Amino acid sequence: MDAPTFDPTAPLPAPPDPWVASEMPSARPGPPYHMTDMIAAEPPLARRILARLAGAESPAARLADAVRAAAAAGEPIVVTGCGTSEHAAFGVADILRDALRSAGLPAGPTSVIAAQAFEASLDPQAGGLLIAVSHEGGSAATNASIEAAAHAGAGTALITAGSASPGAALAELVVTTDEMDQSWCHTIGYVAPLVAAMAVGAHLTGRPAEDAAVERALADGARDDGAAEAIASALAGAHHLIAIGSGVDRTAAREFVLKVEEAAWMPSAMRDLETFLHGHLPATDASTALLLFLTDRAHGNERLARARQALAATRVPGLRAAAVVSAEADAGLDAALTPAGRIVLQHDPALPGPVASLLGSATALQLITERLARARGTNPDPIRRDDPRYREASAATEA
């Protein structure tokens, strides 16, 4: 049965009101999967989110005021979430830290930090601002972190799809992205909060968000189908996969590992670029796949030099190395260092550095994942919960 025709420019379904948890995506026997459609939908979706959050009275503007006040007072700003939303939280922290710096506000390395929601609920901050990220707004650990922060005297905010969720009822400020991911292998759930954070950053700096540039960045990351398929083909038969990155690219590496394990059922691990070179190589060989993310503009020369050394090291035991890189990094890396291929991103100077890296690498990592699922014969949409064993395993985590 053919999948229905999908229009990537049309708005996605709105969040449920009253709130209910999402149901398993409808089964598709082969591509295009729901995940395929969601990747295609992200560029126009981003423009819609930015348009809705652009106004001076928008929730993004109110969140910017709260971020500004906390930063000016030297109070902690913590961004938190679970799963894909946890990785989006790391990206939101990167974007907000950069925006504070551009606005001339306090923006040291600990001005905005990301934390896993369960840990944040157990050790809440005293004062400041907690920003939670949750696509559906129903994650128990994330909602517990909102409650714990409020009890400890912190202000609370939530970036989520809709305003009717349990999480939205707990937070003082709610920024909604208004459209729902149709695959459980969340892509929209990762990109939408990053775009919302860019809108908050635009209110902080007073510079309008470049919506056309955002749309181009997302489209650029998913443009090279051929490279994604070649990378997926080279990586598909590996016993395990390692993703590495430095700076902002650590967020992309974390999210890629989660996507691969959800969609392609392939054991994977994330390592910081430098960490990977301190003891992890002995566990690798020709059956190991590696994907390097190297798109961060900040300290680009230093990161490039260390990445070049890392890739040279992986050639000796014969790892299947591939990369997602900026055009600048691509020019400095010999093609022989990534025999499994690479995707090259063209950064738009109109975008803040973290935004350009995070959005371009988002669709690139999603496209590689989707092609990897095809190569391994898995359906990414239900994240294996169409198998009764894994459905039961998931239920046990919520018992």
Protein backbone atom coordinates (compact mmCIF):
# COMPACT_ATOMS: atom_id res chain seq x y z
CA MET A 1 0.00 0.00 0.00
CA ASP A 2 1.50 3.32 -1.05
CA ALA A 3 1.96 6.07 1.54
CA PRO A 4 -0.42 9.00 1.05
CA THR A 5 0.94 12.02 -0.76
CA PHE A 6 2.65 14.33 1.71
CA ASP A 7 2.96 18.09 1.29
CA PRO A 8 6.05 19.20 3.25
CA THR A 9 4.98 22.84 3.07
CA ALA A 10 1.62 22.29 4.79
CA PRO A 11 1.26 22.73 8.57
CA LEU A 12 1.52 19.55 10.60
CA PRO A 13 -1.31 18.43 12.92
CA ALA A 14 -1.87 20.61 15.97
CA PRO A 15 -1.22 19.29 19.49
CA PRO A 16 -4.23 17.62 21.15
CA ASP A 17 -6.51 19.68 23.38
CA PRO A 18 -7.48 18.21 25.76
CA TRP A 19 -4.09 16.56 26.03
CA VAL A 20 -3.51 12.86 25.37
CA ALA A 21 -0.24 11.04 24.77
CA SER A 22 0.50 10.28 21.12
CA GLU A 23 -0.33 6.90 19.64
CA MET A 24 2.09 4.72 17.71
CA PRO A 25 2.55 6.06 14.17
CA SER A 26 0.65 4.24 11.45
CA ALA A 27 2.67 1.41 9.92
CA ARG A 28 4.36 1.87 6.57
CA PRO A 29 5.93 -1.19 4.96
CA GLY A 30 8.77 0.82 3.43
CA PRO A 31 9.97 4.34 2.67
CA PRO A 32 8.92 7.06 2.65
CA TYR A 33 8.44 6.63 6.39
CA HIS A 34 6.79 9.23 8.59
CA MET A 35 10.35 10.17 9.57
CA THR A 36 11.14 10.81 5.90
CA ASP A 37 8.20 13.20 5.68
CA MET A 38 9.14 15.00 8.90
CA ILE A 39 12.67 15.72 7.66
CA ALA A 40 11.20 17.23 4.49
CA ALA A 41 8.76 19.31 6.56
CA GLU A 42 11.36 20.95 8.80
CA PRO A 43 12.50 23.89 6.62
CA PRO A 44 9.01 25.40 6.11
CA LEU A 45 8.04 24.48 9.68
CA ALA A 46 10.94 26.57 10.97
CA ARG A 47 9.70 29.65 9.12
CA ARG A 48 6.22 29.21 10.60
CA ILE A 49 7.59 28.89 14.14
CA LEU A 50 9.75 32.00 13.76
CA ALA A 51 6.79 33.98 12.37
CA ARG A 52 4.56 32.98 15.30
CA LEU A 53 7.24 33.89 17.87
CA ALA A 54 8.42 37.15 16.33
CA GLY A 55 6.01 39.58 18.01
CA ALA A 56 6.99 41.79 20.94
CA GLU A 57 4.20 40.22 23.03
CA SER A 58 4.95 36.64 22.01
CA PRO A 59 5.85 33.94 24.56
CA ALA A 60 9.40 33.95 23.12
CA ALA A 61 9.73 37.65 23.96
CA ARG A 62 8.54 37.01 27.52
CA LEU A 63 11.01 34.16 27.90
CA ALA A 64 13.77 36.44 26.59
CA ASP A 65 12.87 38.93 29.34
CA ALA A 66 13.17 36.19 31.96
CA VAL A 67 16.52 35.01 30.55
CA ARG A 68 17.79 38.60 30.46
CA ALA A 69 16.78 39.24 34.06
CA ALA A 70 18.37 36.04 35.35
CA ALA A 71 21.60 36.67 33.47
CA ALA A 72 21.82 40.29 34.63
CA ALA A 73 21.35 39.14 38.23
CA GLY A 74 23.99 36.44 37.89
CA GLU A 75 21.42 33.74 38.63
CA PRO A 76 21.55 30.21 37.16
CA ILE A 77 19.80 29.44 33.89
CA VAL A 78 19.34 25.69 33.42
CA VAL A 79 17.86 24.03 30.34
CA THR A 80 16.63 20.46 30.74
CA GLY A 81 14.82 17.59 29.03
CA CYS A 82 14.75 13.84 28.37
CA GLY A 83 15.75 11.86 25.28
CA THR A 84 15.62 13.93 22.11
CA SER A 85 14.43 16.88 24.20
CA GLU A 86 17.51 16.54 26.42
CA HIS A 87 19.72 16.93 23.36
CA ALA A 88 17.60 19.84 22.17
CA ALA A 89 18.12 21.35 25.63
CA PHE A 90 21.89 21.26 25.09
CA GLY A 91 21.38 23.08 21.80
CA VAL A 92 19.00 25.62 23.37
CA ALA A 93 21.67 26.36 25.98
CA ASP A 94 24.29 26.90 23.25
CA ILE A 95 21.98 29.25 21.34
CA LEU A 96 20.96 31.29 24.39
CA ARG A 97 24.53 31.59 25.68
CA ASP A 98 25.63 32.94 22.32
CA ALA A 99 22.69 35.38 22.21
CA LEU A 100 23.48 36.69 25.70
CA ARG A 101 27.06 37.25 24.63
CA SER A 102 25.91 39.12 21.52
CA ALA A 103 23.57 41.24 23.66
CA GLY A 104 26.42 42.24 25.97
CA LEU A 105 24.95 40.35 28.93
CA PRO A 106 26.86 38.01 31.27
CA ALA A 107 27.57 34.89 29.22
CA GLY A 108 30.36 32.83 30.70
CA PRO A 109 30.61 29.05 30.25
CA THR A 110 28.23 28.49 33.18
CA SER A 111 25.77 31.30 32.44
CA VAL A 112 23.40 28.85 30.72
CA ILE A 113 23.89 25.16 31.33
CA ALA A 114 22.07 22.03 30.22
CA ALA A 115 21.13 19.21 32.60
CA GLN A 116 19.38 15.86 32.30
CA ALA A 117 15.86 16.20 33.67
CA PHE A 118 15.97 13.36 36.23
CA GLU A 119 19.16 14.78 37.73
CA ALA A 120 17.71 18.30 37.68
CA SER A 121 14.66 17.06 39.58
CA LEU A 122 16.86 15.49 42.29
CA ASP A 123 19.17 18.48 42.67
CA PRO A 124 17.15 21.55 41.69
CA GLN A 125 18.69 24.97 41.35
CA ALA A 126 18.08 27.57 44.04
CA GLY A 127 16.66 30.54 42.18
CA GLY A 128 17.28 31.64 38.63
CA LEU A 129 15.40 30.14 35.72
CA LEU A 130 14.70 26.57 34.61
CA ILE A 131 13.78 26.11 30.94
CA ALA A 132 12.37 22.64 30.25
CA VAL A 133 12.07 21.15 26.78
CA SER A 134 9.44 18.48 26.07
CA HIS A 135 7.79 17.91 22.70
CA GLU A 136 4.55 16.44 24.04
CA GLY A 137 4.82 17.89 27.55
CA GLY A 138 4.21 14.55 29.23
CA SER A 139 7.69 13.35 30.27
CA ALA A 140 7.52 12.49 33.96
CA ALA A 141 11.15 13.36 34.77
CA THR A 142 10.95 16.68 32.93
CA ASN A 143 7.75 17.64 34.71
CA ALA A 144 9.29 16.64 38.03
CA SER A 145 12.24 18.95 37.28
CA ILE A 146 9.81 21.85 36.73
CA GLU A 147 8.11 21.16 40.05
CA ALA A 148 11.40 20.78 41.92
CA ALA A 149 12.82 24.02 40.50
CA ALA A 150 9.65 25.92 41.42
CA HIS A 151 9.76 24.58 44.98
CA ALA A 152 13.42 25.68 45.22
CA GLY A 153 12.53 29.23 44.22
CA ALA A 154 13.38 29.23 40.51
CA GLY A 155 11.28 30.64 37.73
CA THR A 156 10.09 28.01 35.27
CA ALA A 157 9.46 27.86 31.54
CA LEU A 158 8.64 25.13 29.03
CA ILE A 159 9.30 24.88 25.30
CA THR A 160 6.77 22.40 23.94
CA ALA A 161 4.38 21.74 21.08
CA GLY A 162 1.12 22.67 22.81
CA SER A 163 -0.28 24.49 25.82
CA ALA A 164 -2.69 21.80 27.07
CA SER A 165 -0.10 19.30 28.34
CA PRO A 166 0.70 18.37 31.95
CA GLY A 167 4.06 20.12 31.64
CA ALA A 168 2.46 23.32 30.39
CA ALA A 169 0.21 23.36 33.46
CA LEU A 170 3.30 23.35 35.71
CA ALA A 171 5.43 26.05 34.05
CA GLU A 172 5.05 29.79 34.54
CA LEU A 173 6.01 30.55 30.94
CA VAL A 174 5.12 28.32 27.99
CA VAL A 175 6.57 28.75 24.49
CA THR A 176 4.68 26.61 22.00
CA THR A 177 5.81 25.42 18.58
CA ASP A 178 2.23 24.38 17.70
CA GLU A 179 2.82 21.41 15.35
CA MET A 180 3.28 17.74 16.18
CA ASP A 181 5.92 15.27 15.05
CA GLN A 182 4.26 12.33 13.26
CA SER A 183 7.08 9.83 13.90
CA TRP A 184 8.22 8.52 17.26
CA CYS A 185 11.79 8.78 15.97
CA HIS A 186 11.57 12.49 16.68
CA THR A 187 13.03 14.93 14.20
CA ILE A 188 10.56 17.82 14.62
CA GLY A 189 10.89 17.23 18.37
CA TYR A 190 14.59 18.10 18.09
CA VAL A 191 14.50 20.95 15.56
CA ALA A 192 11.44 22.86 16.81
CA PRO A 193 12.92 23.77 20.23
CA LEU A 194 16.16 24.89 18.54
CA VAL A 195 14.17 27.21 16.29
CA ALA A 196 12.18 28.48 19.30
CA ALA A 197 15.47 29.19 21.09
CA MET A 198 16.62 31.17 18.06
CA ALA A 199 13.44 33.25 18.35
CA VAL A 200 14.21 33.89 22.03
CA GLY A 201 17.77 34.82 21.08
CA ALA A 202 16.49 37.29 18.50
CA HIS A 203 14.46 39.05 21.19
CA LEU A 204 17.53 39.13 23.43
CA THR A 205 19.76 40.73 20.81
CA GLY A 206 17.13 42.89 19.16
CA ARG A 207 18.07 41.50 15.75
CA PRO A 208 15.24 39.82 13.82
CA ALA A 209 15.63 36.11 13.15
CA GLU A 210 16.66 35.40 9.57
CA ASP A 211 13.85 33.01 8.69
CA ALA A 212 14.94 32.51 5.08
CA ALA A 213 18.47 31.65 6.21
CA VAL A 214 17.09 29.18 8.76
CA GLU A 215 15.03 27.48 6.08
CA ARG A 216 18.08 27.29 3.81
CA ALA A 217 20.24 25.80 6.57
CA LEU A 218 17.75 23.02 7.26
CA ALA A 219 17.28 22.31 3.56
CA ASP A 220 21.04 22.28 3.01
CA GLY A 221 21.60 19.59 5.64
CA ALA A 222 19.19 17.22 3.89
CA ARG A 223 20.16 18.13 0.34
CA ASP A 224 22.79 15.47 -0.40
CA ASP A 225 20.82 12.22 -0.60
CA GLY A 226 23.67 10.52 -2.43
CA ALA A 227 26.24 11.24 0.28
CA ALA A 228 23.81 10.15 3.02
CA GLU A 229 23.11 6.88 1.25
CA ALA A 230 26.80 6.21 0.70
CA ILE A 231 27.56 6.87 4.36
CA ALA A 232 24.67 4.68 5.47
CA SER A 233 25.79 1.87 3.18
CA ALA A 234 29.32 2.00 4.57
CA LEU A 235 28.18 2.12 8.19
CA ALA A 236 25.26 -0.31 8.08
CA GLY A 237 27.23 -3.52 8.59
CA ALA A 238 29.37 -2.25 11.48
CA HIS A 239 29.14 -3.95 14.88
CA HIS A 240 28.91 -0.63 16.66
CA LEU A 241 29.05 3.06 15.89
CA ILE A 242 30.77 6.00 17.58
CA ALA A 243 29.84 9.66 17.03
CA ILE A 244 32.35 12.35 17.98
CA GLY A 245 32.27 16.13 18.07
CA SER A 246 33.59 19.22 19.80
CA GLY A 247 31.90 22.43 20.91
CA VAL A 248 28.35 22.79 19.60
CA ASP A 249 28.83 19.60 17.56
CA ARG A 250 28.69 17.53 20.74
CA THR A 251 24.93 18.13 20.75
CA ALA A 252 24.57 16.77 17.21
CA ALA A 253 26.72 13.74 18.09
CA ARG A 254 24.52 12.96 21.10
CA GLU A 255 21.34 13.24 19.07
CA PHE A 256 22.75 11.11 16.23
CA VAL A 257 23.53 8.27 18.63
CA LEU A 258 19.99 8.32 19.99
CA LYS A 259 18.48 8.44 16.50
CA VAL A 260 20.59 5.51 15.28
CA GLU A 261 19.70 3.33 18.26
CA GLU A 262 16.00 4.18 17.95
CA ALA A 263 15.73 3.91 14.18
CA ALA A 264 18.34 1.38 13.08
CA TRP A 265 18.79 -0.60 16.34
CA MET A 266 22.55 -0.26 16.10
CA PRO A 267 24.62 -0.09 19.32
CA SER A 268 26.17 3.39 19.39
CA ALA A 269 28.06 5.73 21.69
CA MET A 270 28.94 9.41 21.75
CA ARG A 271 32.39 10.68 22.68
CA ASP A 272 33.78 14.19 22.88
CA LEU A 273 36.42 14.60 20.20
CA GLU A 274 39.23 14.83 22.73
CA THR A 275 37.79 12.14 25.01
CA PHE A 276 37.75 9.64 22.15
CA LEU A 277 41.54 9.86 21.89
CA HIS A 278 42.15 8.99 25.54
CA GLY A 279 41.64 5.26 25.87
CA HIS A 280 38.75 4.39 23.55
CA LEU A 281 40.70 3.41 20.44
CA PRO A 282 41.70 -0.07 21.77
CA ALA A 283 38.04 -1.12 21.63
CA THR A 284 37.77 -0.29 17.91
CA ASP A 285 38.69 -2.10 14.73
CA ALA A 286 37.52 -2.48 11.14
CA SER A 287 34.05 -3.47 12.38
CA THR A 288 33.64 -0.05 14.06
CA ALA A 289 31.89 2.85 12.33
CA LEU A 290 32.60 6.46 13.22
CA LEU A 291 30.83 9.71 12.32
CA LEU A 292 32.61 12.99 13.01
CA PHE A 293 30.65 16.24 13.36
CA LEU A 294 32.84 19.26 12.60
CA THR A 295 30.71 22.33 11.89
CA ASP A 296 31.32 24.69 14.84
CA ARG A 297 32.74 28.00 13.58
CA ALA A 298 34.18 28.97 16.98
CA HIS A 299 37.85 27.95 17.34
CA GLY A 300 37.54 26.25 13.97
CA ASN A 301 41.28 25.90 13.35
CA GLU A 302 41.93 24.22 16.69
CA ARG A 303 39.01 21.81 16.30
CA LEU A 304 40.04 21.02 12.72
CA ALA A 305 43.62 20.21 13.73
CA ARG A 306 42.48 17.82 16.48
CA ALA A 307 39.87 16.21 14.23
CA ARG A 308 42.53 15.62 11.58
CA GLN A 309 44.64 13.79 14.16
CA ALA A 310 41.64 11.76 15.34
CA LEU A 311 40.78 10.64 11.83
CA ALA A 312 44.40 9.78 11.10
CA ALA A 313 44.38 7.59 14.20
CA THR A 314 41.23 5.76 13.09
CA ARG A 315 42.82 4.84 9.77
CA VAL A 316 45.34 2.56 11.48
CA PRO A 317 42.84 0.00 12.88
CA GLY A 318 40.65 0.61 9.82
CA LEU A 319 37.51 2.27 11.19
CA ARG A 320 34.74 3.12 8.74
CA ALA A 321 34.97 6.89 9.18
CA ALA A 322 32.52 9.43 7.79
CA ALA A 323 31.83 13.08 8.62
CA VAL A 324 29.35 15.94 8.62
CA VAL A 325 31.47 19.05 8.16
CA SER A 326 31.31 22.72 7.29
CA ALA A 327 32.70 23.82 3.93
CA GLU A 328 35.66 25.37 5.78
CA ALA A 329 36.45 22.13 7.59
CA ASP A 330 35.97 20.14 4.40
CA ALA A 331 38.71 22.15 2.70
CA GLY A 332 41.12 21.25 5.50
CA LEU A 333 40.44 17.50 5.62
CA ASP A 334 42.00 15.10 3.13
CA ALA A 335 39.27 12.98 1.54
CA ALA A 336 41.21 9.83 2.48
CA LEU A 337 40.48 10.55 6.16
CA THR A 338 36.76 9.85 5.68
CA PRO A 339 36.62 6.81 3.37
CA ALA A 340 32.93 6.27 4.23
CA GLY A 341 32.04 9.72 2.88
CA ARG A 342 30.98 13.10 4.15
CA ILE A 343 28.18 15.65 4.01
CA VAL A 344 29.34 19.24 3.59
CA LEU A 345 27.29 22.13 5.00
CA GLN A 346 27.37 25.66 3.61
CA HIS A 347 27.08 27.98 6.61
CA ASP A 348 25.13 31.20 6.10
CA PRO A 349 26.91 34.16 7.75
CA ALA A 350 23.50 35.69 8.46
CA LEU A 351 22.96 33.06 11.15
CA PRO A 352 24.59 33.00 14.58
CA GLY A 353 27.31 30.34 14.68
CA PRO A 354 25.54 27.86 16.99
CA VAL A 355 22.30 28.17 15.02
CA ALA A 356 24.03 27.50 11.71
CA SER A 357 25.80 24.43 13.09
CA LEU A 358 22.88 22.95 14.99
CA LEU A 359 20.26 23.35 12.26
CA GLY A 360 22.47 22.25 9.37
CA SER A 361 23.73 19.20 11.23
CA ALA A 362 20.20 18.37 12.46
CA THR A 363 18.77 17.47 9.08
CA ALA A 364 22.07 15.89 8.00
CA LEU A 365 22.15 13.51 10.97
CA GLN A 366 18.46 12.74 10.52
CA LEU A 367 18.89 11.96 6.83
CA ILE A 368 21.86 9.65 7.51
CA THR A 369 19.82 7.91 10.21
CA GLU A 370 16.83 7.42 7.93
CA ARG A 371 19.04 5.99 5.19
CA LEU A 372 20.79 3.79 7.74
CA ALA A 373 17.41 2.38 8.78
CA ARG A 374 16.68 1.60 5.13
CA ALA A 375 20.06 -0.09 4.72
CA ARG A 376 19.50 -2.22 7.83
CA GLY A 377 15.87 -3.02 6.97
CA THR A 378 14.30 -1.35 10.00
CA ASN A 379 11.28 0.94 10.26
CA PRO A 380 12.32 4.05 12.23
CA ASP A 381 8.85 5.33 13.09
CA PRO A 382 7.74 3.07 15.98
CA ILE A 383 11.27 2.94 17.53
CA ARG A 384 10.79 -0.84 17.72
CA ARG A 385 7.66 -0.66 19.88
CA ASP A 386 5.76 -2.54 17.20
CA ASP A 387 7.64 -5.54 18.64
CA PRO A 388 5.76 -6.75 21.78
CA ARG A 389 9.02 -7.23 23.70
CA TYR A 390 10.09 -3.63 23.27
CA ARG A 391 6.57 -2.35 23.86
CA GLU A 392 6.58 -4.25 27.16
CA ALA A 393 10.07 -2.90 27.96
CA SER A 394 8.84 0.64 27.35
CA ALA A 395 5.79 0.07 29.53
CA ALA A 396 8.04 -1.16 32.35
CA THR A 397 9.82 2.19 32.41
CA GLU A 398 6.49 3.91 33.14
CA ALA A 399 5.02 1.41 35.59
